[in-house]
Amino acid sequence: MGKRYFCDYCDRSFQDNLHNRKKHLNGVQHLRAKRVWYDLFRDAAAILQEEQTKKPCRKFLQTGQCDFGSNCRFSHMTEQDLEKLSAQVQGEQRLKELRQEGADVPPGTIEDWLEKRAKRLSVAQSN
């Protein structure tokens, strides 16, 4: 049968040869899946900056869904979402400043980290 290549981004496998791998790695589906994966690890400040420069998506605001999904060039965030994200960025900046000053800041618990991770994954899967 031969060797098979498994793509972690796309959750697919195929016969591993130069032609198939090159075709897959340059494919639209793979590039989108890869982008979604790396977007999970962006910090809140980068997301906020990007979302503030975009115009709101009319179709998403009217119907609650958009045919383009995460590939839409317009923002799918409401004003409340932007406010929450802005508050999160400010909180992270305050925490960073406290750490630089040498203040004793207790580390977050594993439960907090798991909860944040689960939220990011559910948002990524819904897009």
Protein backbone atom coordinates (compact mmCIF):
# COMPACT_ATOMS: atom_id res chain seq x y z
CA MET A 1 0.00 0.00 0.00
CA GLY A 2 2.89 2.38 0.64
CA LYS A 3 3.45 5.17 3.10
CA ARG A 4 0.65 7.56 4.00
CA TYR A 5 0.96 11.20 5.01
CA PHE A 6 -1.34 12.52 7.74
CA CYS A 7 -2.03 16.25 7.86
CA ASP A 8 -2.74 17.40 11.42
CA TYR A 9 -4.29 20.68 10.25
CA CYS A 10 -6.84 19.05 7.92
CA ASP A 11 -7.21 15.75 9.81
CA ARG A 12 -6.73 13.86 6.53
CA SER A 13 -4.35 11.27 5.21
CA PHE A 14 -3.29 10.45 1.68
CA GLN A 15 -0.64 8.49 -0.19
CA ASP A 16 2.70 10.11 0.47
CA ASN A 17 4.58 11.13 -2.64
CA LEU A 18 6.00 14.44 -3.78
CA HIS A 19 3.11 15.31 -6.11
CA ASN A 20 0.31 14.54 -3.61
CA ARG A 21 2.00 16.29 -0.70
CA LYS A 22 2.80 19.40 -2.74
CA LYS A 23 -0.76 19.52 -4.10
CA HIS A 24 -2.21 19.19 -0.60
CA LEU A 25 0.08 21.72 1.06
CA ASN A 26 -0.74 24.34 -1.59
CA GLY A 27 -4.48 23.58 -1.52
CA VAL A 28 -7.06 26.08 -0.34
CA GLN A 29 -8.55 23.72 2.25
CA HIS A 30 -5.16 23.10 3.86
CA LEU A 31 -4.23 26.77 3.91
CA ARG A 32 -7.55 27.68 5.55
CA ALA A 33 -7.23 24.93 8.16
CA LYS A 34 -3.66 26.01 8.91
CA ARG A 35 -4.74 29.64 9.31
CA VAL A 36 -7.56 28.67 11.68
CA TRP A 37 -5.11 26.62 13.76
CA TYR A 38 -2.63 29.48 14.14
CA ASP A 39 -5.43 31.97 14.83
CA LEU A 40 -6.22 30.01 18.00
CA PHE A 41 -2.92 31.17 19.47
CA ARG A 42 -3.06 34.88 18.60
CA ASP A 43 -3.12 37.27 21.51
CA ALA A 44 -6.16 39.39 22.26
CA ALA A 45 -4.43 42.65 21.30
CA ALA A 46 -3.73 41.44 17.76
CA ILE A 47 -7.32 40.20 17.35
CA LEU A 48 -8.72 43.50 18.65
CA GLN A 49 -6.53 45.57 16.35
CA GLU A 50 -7.55 43.50 13.33
CA GLU A 51 -11.27 43.54 14.18
CA GLN A 52 -11.33 47.29 14.75
CA THR A 53 -9.99 47.97 11.26
CA LYS A 54 -12.72 45.87 9.61
CA LYS A 55 -16.22 47.05 8.78
CA PRO A 56 -19.12 45.06 10.28
CA CYS A 57 -20.55 42.25 8.14
CA ARG A 58 -24.12 43.23 7.26
CA LYS A 59 -25.22 39.70 6.44
CA PHE A 60 -23.88 38.39 9.76
CA LEU A 61 -25.57 41.18 11.73
CA GLN A 62 -28.92 40.64 9.97
CA THR A 63 -29.10 36.85 9.92
CA GLY A 64 -26.51 35.72 12.46
CA GLN A 65 -24.54 33.76 9.87
CA CYS A 66 -22.31 34.47 6.93
CA ASP A 67 -21.60 32.31 3.89
CA PHE A 68 -17.90 33.15 4.07
CA GLY A 69 -17.45 32.21 7.75
CA SER A 70 -13.95 32.86 9.06
CA ASN A 71 -12.81 33.83 5.54
CA CYS A 72 -15.08 36.88 5.49
CA ARG A 73 -13.20 40.15 5.10
CA PHE A 74 -15.72 41.92 7.35
CA SER A 75 -15.97 41.72 11.13
CA HIS A 76 -18.40 39.30 12.78
CA MET A 77 -17.97 40.87 16.22
CA THR A 78 -20.68 42.93 17.87
CA GLU A 79 -20.00 46.06 19.91
CA GLN A 80 -20.31 44.01 23.11
CA ASP A 81 -17.74 41.49 21.83
CA LEU A 82 -15.34 44.32 21.00
CA GLU A 83 -15.83 45.83 24.47
CA LYS A 84 -15.13 42.47 26.15
CA LEU A 85 -12.03 42.00 24.02
CA SER A 86 -10.86 45.52 24.83
CA ALA A 87 -11.34 44.87 28.56
CA GLN A 88 -9.37 41.63 28.23
CA VAL A 89 -6.51 43.46 26.48
CA GLN A 90 -6.45 46.12 29.20
CA GLY A 91 -6.41 43.43 31.89
CA GLU A 92 -3.51 41.66 30.20
CA GLN A 93 -1.60 44.94 29.94
CA ARG A 94 -2.16 45.69 33.64
CA LEU A 95 -0.99 42.20 34.57
CA LYS A 96 2.12 42.61 32.39
CA GLU A 97 2.89 45.97 34.03
CA LEU A 98 2.50 44.45 37.49
CA ARG A 99 4.91 41.66 36.61
CA GLN A 100 7.45 44.16 35.27
CA GLU A 101 7.24 46.13 38.52
CA GLY A 102 8.01 42.95 40.41
CA ALA A 103 4.63 42.62 42.11
CA ASP A 104 3.69 39.17 43.38
CA VAL A 105 1.05 37.99 40.91
CA PRO A 106 -0.34 34.52 41.54
CA PRO A 107 -0.29 32.29 38.44
CA GLY A 108 -3.57 31.16 36.96
CA THR A 109 -4.87 27.72 37.75
CA ILE A 110 -4.97 24.86 35.28
CA GLU A 111 -8.77 25.04 35.37
CA ASP A 112 -8.65 28.64 34.13
CA TRP A 113 -6.34 27.66 31.30
CA LEU A 114 -8.52 24.68 30.32
CA GLU A 115 -11.63 26.85 30.35
CA LYS A 116 -10.02 29.47 28.09
CA ARG A 117 -8.75 26.75 25.74
CA ALA A 118 -12.19 25.14 25.52
CA LYS A 119 -13.74 28.52 24.64
CA ARG A 120 -11.14 29.15 21.91
CA LEU A 121 -11.68 25.69 20.42
CA SER A 122 -15.47 26.03 20.44
CA VAL A 123 -15.24 29.42 18.73
CA ALA A 124 -12.86 28.00 16.12
CA GLN A 125 -15.13 25.03 15.44
CA SER A 126 -18.22 27.25 15.10
CA ASN A 127 -16.42 29.37 12.47
